[in-house]
C-alpha atoms as a PDB file:
ATOM      1  CA  MET A   1       6.504   7.722  14.148  1.00  0.00           C
ATOM      2  CA  ARG A   2       8.658   5.138  11.905  1.00  0.00           C
ATOM      3  CA  ALA A   3       5.549   3.181  11.726  1.00  0.00           C
ATOM      4  CA  PHE A   4       3.429   6.133  10.422  1.00  0.00           C
ATOM      5  CA  PHE A   5       5.354   7.091   7.584  1.00  0.00           C
ATOM      6  CA  SER A   6       6.546   3.448   6.718  1.00  0.00           C
ATOM      7  CA  LEU A   7       4.315   3.589   3.398  1.00  0.00           C
ATOM      8  CA  CYS A   8       5.141   7.587   2.811  1.00  0.00           C
ATOM      9  CA  CYS A   9       8.175   6.740   0.942  1.00  0.00           C
ATOM     10  CA  GLY A  10       6.292   5.037  -1.779  1.00  0.00           C
ATOM     11  CA  VAL A  11       3.444   7.360  -1.809  1.00  0.00           C
ATOM     12  CA  VAL A  12       5.851  10.419  -2.471  1.00  0.00           C
ATOM     13  CA  ALA A  13       7.745   8.406  -4.889  1.00  0.00           C
ATOM     14  CA  LEU A  14       4.532   7.666  -6.835  1.00  0.00           C
ATOM     15  CA  GLY A  15       3.497  11.170  -6.873  1.00  0.00           C
ATOM     16  CA  LEU A  16       6.872  13.003  -7.979  1.00  0.00           C
ATOM     17  CA  GLY A  17       8.129  10.260 -10.102  1.00  0.00           C
ATOM     18  CA  SER A  18      11.444   8.553  -9.573  1.00  0.00           C
ATOM     19  CA  GLU A  19      14.180  10.576 -10.926  1.00  0.00           C
ATOM     20  CA  PRO A  20      17.159  10.923  -8.708  1.00  0.00           C
ATOM     21  CA  VAL A  21      17.455  13.982  -6.417  1.00  0.00           C
ATOM     22  CA  ALA A  22      20.897  15.031  -8.083  1.00  0.00           C
ATOM     23  CA  ALA A  23      19.492  15.776 -11.578  1.00  0.00           C
ATOM     24  CA  ALA A  24      21.274  18.972 -12.529  1.00  0.00           C
ATOM     25  CA  PRO A  25      18.809  21.861 -11.492  1.00  0.00           C
ATOM     26  CA  ALA A  26      17.284  24.295 -14.118  1.00  0.00           C
ATOM     27  CA  ALA A  27      18.550  27.822 -13.826  1.00  0.00           C
ATOM     28  CA  ASP A  28      15.361  28.868 -12.169  1.00  0.00           C
ATOM     29  CA  GLY A  29      14.562  25.364 -10.549  1.00  0.00           C
ATOM     30  CA  VAL A  30      15.893  25.617  -7.224  1.00  0.00           C
ATOM     31  CA  ALA A  31      12.267  25.906  -5.593  1.00  0.00           C
ATOM     32  CA  GLU A  32      11.416  22.761  -7.601  1.00  0.00           C
ATOM     33  CA  LEU A  33      14.636  20.835  -6.556  1.00  0.00           C
ATOM     34  CA  ALA A  34      14.447  22.169  -2.860  1.00  0.00           C
ATOM     35  CA  SER A  35      10.884  21.057  -2.485  1.00  0.00           C
ATOM     36  CA  ARG A  36      11.510  17.473  -4.441  1.00  0.00           C
ATOM     37  CA  THR A  37      14.760  16.834  -2.203  1.00  0.00           C
ATOM     38  CA  PHE A  38      12.573  17.738   1.008  1.00  0.00           C
ATOM     39  CA  LEU A  39       9.854  15.333   0.153  1.00  0.00           C
ATOM     40  CA  LEU A  40      11.956  12.576  -1.043  1.00  0.00           C
ATOM     41  CA  SER A  41      14.114  12.817   2.218  1.00  0.00           C
ATOM     42  CA  CYS A  42      12.932  14.417   5.435  1.00  0.00           C
ATOM     43  CA  VAL A  43       9.060  13.398   4.567  1.00  0.00           C
ATOM     44  CA  ALA A  44       9.523  10.175   2.847  1.00  0.00           C
ATOM     45  CA  TYR A  45      11.900   8.856   5.686  1.00  0.00           C
ATOM     46  CA  GLN A  46      10.294  10.855   8.631  1.00  0.00           C
ATOM     47  CA  GLY A  47      11.021   8.695  11.835  1.00  0.00           C
ATOM     48  CA  ASP A  48      13.522   6.413   9.947  1.00  0.00           C
ATOM     49  CA  TYR A  49      16.443   8.594   9.458  1.00  0.00           C
ATOM     50  CA  ASP A  50      18.875   5.674   9.625  1.00  0.00           C
ATOM     51  CA  THR A  51      17.500   4.442   6.204  1.00  0.00           C
ATOM     52  CA  LEU A  52      17.752   7.948   4.899  1.00  0.00           C
ATOM     53  CA  ARG A  53      21.387   7.975   5.855  1.00  0.00           C
ATOM     54  CA  GLN A  54      22.048   4.894   3.774  1.00  0.00           C
ATOM     55  CA  HIS A  55      20.127   6.275   0.787  1.00  0.00           C
ATOM     56  CA  LEU A  56      22.499   9.367   0.931  1.00  0.00           C
ATOM     57  CA  GLN A  57      25.504   7.081   0.454  1.00  0.00           C
ATOM     58  CA  PRO A  58      27.394   7.142  -2.653  1.00  0.00           C
ATOM     59  CA  GLY A  59      25.923   5.133  -5.447  1.00  0.00           C
ATOM     60  CA  GLN A  60      22.375   5.193  -3.750  1.00  0.00           C
ATOM     61  CA  ASP A  61      19.495   6.869  -5.149  1.00  0.00           C
ATOM     62  CA  LEU A  62      19.545  10.030  -2.865  1.00  0.00           C
ATOM     63  CA  TYR A  63      23.119  10.519  -2.883  1.00  0.00           C
ATOM     64  CA  LEU A  64      24.529  13.829  -1.937  1.00  0.00           C
ATOM     65  CA  PRO A  65      28.153  14.633  -0.997  1.00  0.00           C
ATOM     66  CA  PRO A  66      28.575  14.767   2.823  1.00  0.00           C
ATOM     67  CA  LEU A  67      29.888  17.951   4.511  1.00  0.00           C
ATOM     68  CA  THR A  68      32.937  18.052   6.619  1.00  0.00           C
ATOM     69  CA  ALA A  69      32.425  18.458  10.306  1.00  0.00           C
ATOM     70  CA  ASP A  70      33.746  22.147   9.936  1.00  0.00           C
ATOM     71  CA  ALA A  71      31.480  23.014   7.055  1.00  0.00           C
ATOM     72  CA  ALA A  72      28.425  21.163   9.018  1.00  0.00           C
ATOM     73  CA  ARG A  73      28.851  22.989  12.052  1.00  0.00           C
ATOM     74  CA  PRO A  74      26.735  26.296  10.973  1.00  0.00           C
ATOM     75  CA  TYR A  75      23.864  23.885  10.241  1.00  0.00           C
ATOM     76  CA  LEU A  76      24.042  21.800  13.093  1.00  0.00           C
ATOM     77  CA  ARG A  77      24.277  24.564  15.534  1.00  0.00           C
ATOM     78  CA  GLY A  78      26.268  22.725  18.240  1.00  0.00           C
ATOM     79  CA  ARG A  79      24.214  19.557  18.094  1.00  0.00           C
ATOM     80  CA  GLU A  80      25.606  16.086  16.970  1.00  0.00           C
ATOM     81  CA  GLY A  81      24.485  15.188  13.619  1.00  0.00           C
ATOM     82  CA  ASP A  82      25.459  15.201   9.848  1.00  0.00           C
ATOM     83  CA  ALA A  83      24.870  17.244   6.920  1.00  0.00           C
ATOM     84  CA  TRP A  84      25.173  16.704   2.989  1.00  0.00           C
ATOM     85  CA  ALA A  85      25.120  19.503   0.467  1.00  0.00           C
ATOM     86  CA  ARG A  86      23.980  20.240  -3.127  1.00  0.00           C
ATOM     87  CA  ALA A  87      26.431  23.025  -3.683  1.00  0.00           C
ATOM     88  CA  ASP A  88      25.132  23.753  -7.265  1.00  0.00           C
ATOM     89  CA  ALA A  89      21.863  24.497  -5.920  1.00  0.00           C
ATOM     90  CA  GLY A  90      22.627  25.930  -2.518  1.00  0.00           C
ATOM     91  CA  LEU A  91      20.922  23.187  -0.636  1.00  0.00           C
ATOM     92  CA  VAL A  92      22.227  21.390   2.572  1.00  0.00           C
ATOM     93  CA  LEU A  93      20.333  18.600   4.296  1.00  0.00           C
ATOM     94  CA  ALA A  94      21.014  17.966   7.847  1.00  0.00           C
ATOM     95  CA  LEU A  95      20.036  15.232  10.172  1.00  0.00           C
ATOM     96  CA  LEU A  96      20.417  15.799  13.910  1.00  0.00           C
ATOM     97  CA  ARG A  97      20.913  12.883  15.974  1.00  0.00           C
ATOM     98  CA  ALA A  98      19.398  13.925  19.637  1.00  0.00           C
ATOM     99  CA  ASP A  99      15.972  15.033  18.299  1.00  0.00           C
ATOM    100  CA  ARG A 100      15.934  12.979  15.263  1.00  0.00           C
ATOM    101  CA  SER A 101      15.039  15.857  13.143  1.00  0.00           C
ATOM    102  CA  CYS A 102      15.737  16.443   9.477  1.00  0.00           C
ATOM    103  CA  LEU A 103      16.130  19.858   7.839  1.00  0.00           C
ATOM    104  CA  LEU A 104      16.628  21.342   4.589  1.00  0.00           C
ATOM    105  CA  PHE A 105      18.331  24.563   4.112  1.00  0.00           C
ATOM    106  CA  VAL A 106      18.095  26.653   0.885  1.00  0.00           C
ATOM    107  CA  ARG A 107      20.630  29.515   0.273  1.00  0.00           C
ATOM    108  CA  LYS A 108      19.000  31.331  -2.589  1.00  0.00           C
ATOM    109  CA  VAL A 109      15.398  31.057  -3.779  1.00  0.00           C
ATOM    110  CA  GLY A 110      12.411  32.628  -4.654  1.00  0.00           C
ATOM    111  CA  THR A 111      10.352  32.267  -1.247  1.00  0.00           C
ATOM    112  CA  GLU A 112       7.099  32.666  -2.950  1.00  0.00           C
ATOM    113  CA  ALA A 113       7.907  30.143  -5.464  1.00  0.00           C
ATOM    114  CA  LEU A 114       9.158  27.799  -3.224  1.00  0.00           C
ATOM    115  CA  ALA A 115       5.919  27.999  -0.894  1.00  0.00           C
ATOM    116  CA  ARG A 116       3.712  27.435  -3.848  1.00  0.00           C
ATOM    117  CA  ARG A 117       5.961  24.518  -5.052  1.00  0.00           C
ATOM    118  CA  LEU A 118       6.242  22.920  -1.684  1.00  0.00           C
ATOM    119  CA  GLU A 119       2.271  23.201  -1.265  1.00  0.00           C
ATOM    120  CA  ALA A 120       1.713  21.705  -4.811  1.00  0.00           C
ATOM    121  CA  ASP A 121       4.330  18.829  -4.342  1.00  0.00           C
ATOM    122  CA  LEU A 122       2.946  17.848  -0.946  1.00  0.00           C
ATOM    123  CA  ARG A 123      -0.688  17.850  -2.373  1.00  0.00           C
ATOM    124  CA  ALA A 124       0.546  15.874  -5.646  1.00  0.00           C
ATOM    125  CA  GLY A 125       2.913  13.424  -3.714  1.00  0.00           C
ATOM    126  CA  LEU A 126       0.901  12.581  -0.618  1.00  0.00           C
ATOM    127  CA  GLY A 127      -2.806  13.649  -1.625  1.00  0.00           C
ATOM    128  CA  GLY A 128      -3.901  10.047  -2.055  1.00  0.00           C
ATOM    129  CA  SER A 129      -3.312   9.118   1.586  1.00  0.00           C
ATOM    130  CA  PHE A 130      -3.109  12.304   3.389  1.00  0.00           C
ATOM    131  CA  THR A 131      -5.111  15.460   3.770  1.00  0.00           C
ATOM    132  CA  VAL A 132      -2.697  18.279   3.151  1.00  0.00           C
ATOM    133  CA  ARG A 133      -3.969  21.438   5.201  1.00  0.00           C
ATOM    134  CA  ALA A 134      -2.832  24.917   5.499  1.00  0.00           C
ATOM    135  CA  ALA A 135      -1.849  25.146   9.364  1.00  0.00           C
ATOM    136  CA  GLY A 136      -0.756  28.467   9.924  1.00  0.00           C
ATOM    137  CA  ASP A 137       1.170  31.489   8.435  1.00  0.00           C
ATOM    138  CA  GLU A 138       2.989  34.027  10.785  1.00  0.00           C
ATOM    139  CA  THR A 139       5.863  36.591  10.592  1.00  0.00           C
ATOM    140  CA  ARG A 140       8.112  37.515  13.400  1.00  0.00           C
ATOM    141  CA  GLN A 141      11.094  39.499  13.268  1.00  0.00           C
ATOM    142  CA  GLY A 142      11.464  39.572   9.486  1.00  0.00           C
ATOM    143  CA  MET A 143      10.901  35.625   9.250  1.00  0.00           C
ATOM    144  CA  ARG A 144       7.767  34.052   7.970  1.00  0.00           C
ATOM    145  CA  ALA A 145       6.690  30.731   9.134  1.00  0.00           C
ATOM    146  CA  ARG A 146       3.745  28.782   6.963  1.00  0.00           C
ATOM    147  CA  SER A 147       2.921  25.442   8.332  1.00  0.00           C
ATOM    148  CA  PHE A 148       1.258  22.361   6.438  1.00  0.00           C
ATOM    149  CA  ASP A 149      -0.704  19.620   8.382  1.00  0.00           C
ATOM    150  CA  LEU A 150      -0.460  16.046   6.815  1.00  0.00           C
ATOM    151  CA  ILE A 151      -3.477  14.116   8.196  1.00  0.00           C
ATOM    152  CA  PRO A 152      -3.632  10.423   7.170  1.00  0.00           C
ATOM    153  CA  THR A 153      -7.028   9.731   5.352  1.00  0.00           C
ATOM    154  CA  GLY A 154      -9.076   6.974   3.766  1.00  0.00           C
ATOM    155  CA  SER A 155      -7.647   3.340   3.685  1.00  0.00           C
ATOM    156  CA  TYR A 156      -3.983   4.515   4.747  1.00  0.00           C
ATOM    157  CA  ARG A 157      -5.526   6.059   7.829  1.00  0.00           C
ATOM    158  CA  GLU A 158      -7.648   2.822   8.594  1.00  0.00           C
ATOM    159  CA  ALA A 159      -4.319   0.790   8.057  1.00  0.00           C
ATOM    160  CA  LEU A 160      -2.447   3.060  10.574  1.00  0.00           C
ATOM    161  CA  VAL A 161      -5.266   2.958  13.286  1.00  0.00           C
ATOM    162  CA  HIS A 162      -5.219  -0.913  12.961  1.00  0.00           C
ATOM    163  CA  GLN A 163      -1.169  -0.815  13.221  1.00  0.00           C
ATOM    164  CA  LEU A 164      -0.832   1.810  15.857  1.00  0.00           C
ATOM    165  CA  GLY A 165      -4.047   0.934  17.964  1.00  0.00           C
ATOM    166  CA  GLY A 166      -5.254   4.705  17.707  1.00  0.00           C
ATOM    167  CA  ASP A 167      -5.693   7.696  15.763  1.00  0.00           C
ATOM    168  CA  PRO A 168      -2.393   8.547  14.053  1.00  0.00           C
ATOM    169  CA  PRO A 169      -1.025  12.180  14.962  1.00  0.00           C
ATOM    170  CA  GLY A 170      -0.197  13.117  11.514  1.00  0.00           C
ATOM    171  CA  ALA A 171       2.645  15.429  10.714  1.00  0.00           C
ATOM    172  CA  ARG A 172       3.594  19.276  10.200  1.00  0.00           C
ATOM    173  CA  VAL A 173       5.531  20.576   7.420  1.00  0.00           C
ATOM    174  CA  VAL A 174       7.080  24.149   8.294  1.00  0.00           C
ATOM    175  CA  LEU A 175       8.680  26.393   5.716  1.00  0.00           C
ATOM    176  CA  THR A 176      10.594  29.326   7.410  1.00  0.00           C
ATOM    177  CA  THR A 177      11.685  31.821   5.032  1.00  0.00           C
ATOM    178  CA  ALA A 178      13.452  35.366   5.249  1.00  0.00           C
ATOM    179  CA  ASP A 179      13.804  37.304   2.242  1.00  0.00           C
ATOM    180  CA  GLY A 180      16.225  40.106   3.759  1.00  0.00           C
ATOM    181  CA  ALA A 181      17.402  38.917   7.033  1.00  0.00           C
ATOM    182  CA  ASN A 182      20.406  36.715   6.078  1.00  0.00           C
ATOM    183  CA  PRO A 183      21.462  36.765   2.332  1.00  0.00           C
ATOM    184  CA  ASP A 184      23.049  33.638   2.679  1.00  0.00           C
ATOM    185  CA  LEU A 185      20.176  31.622   3.906  1.00  0.00           C
ATOM    186  CA  GLN A 186      16.567  32.264   2.586  1.00  0.00           C
ATOM    187  CA  ALA A 187      14.644  29.091   3.718  1.00  0.00           C
ATOM    188  CA  ILE A 188      14.556  26.284   5.781  1.00  0.00           C
ATOM    189  CA  LEU A 189      12.219  23.308   5.884  1.00  0.00           C
ATOM    190  CA  THR A 190      11.190  20.911   8.700  1.00  0.00           C
ATOM    191  CA  ILE A 191       9.136  18.270   9.336  1.00  0.00           C
ATOM    192  CA  GLY A 192       7.789  17.016  12.926  1.00  0.00           C
ATOM    193  CA  THR A 193       4.672  15.382  14.697  1.00  0.00           C
ATOM    194  CA  ARG A 194       1.551  17.457  14.149  1.00  0.00           C
ATOM    195  CA  PRO A 195       0.506  18.947  17.622  1.00  0.00           C
ATOM    196  CA  SER A 196      -2.572  17.883  19.309  1.00  0.00           C
ATOM    197  CA  PRO A 197      -5.625  19.920  17.989  1.00  0.00           C
END
């Protein structure tokens, strides 16, 4: 996957501008900040989270304050990893070591506003190199999961086919929301390899 998203960081940065993640959020800008943080971290560095860790350090472009081991525990759920917080916006970014996954937790947010913003940002930030397609919307036990597939297209796809020696699988972004199940956690964003069709 590292090779798959090696160009993605530049694509996202071009689509969303180059303002640092740590810019102060507007009173109602949590959805915008959550979407932007997710794209500039989890999506842009998919498969290369060691590099993302470097960019989260003090003085770097994506700097976020790290959580202590005790504070990170609820987000890591017994797995080895690290977490960083944007406390003023209620965001926690977690990187899990074993399965090399990246998650963004959002404490309080308008879930519909976040879903709209995420889809718009995916299309604006990645639309030149990926087809962004809705891949599912299901509700279970009070939680709603909306999926978006990122499918390489055009010359970017051709470069990946040449580089990987086969058809690139693409990626799947999942936004899981719960408006009432947990008042202290309303959304989780994740990215992983797109399942085979």
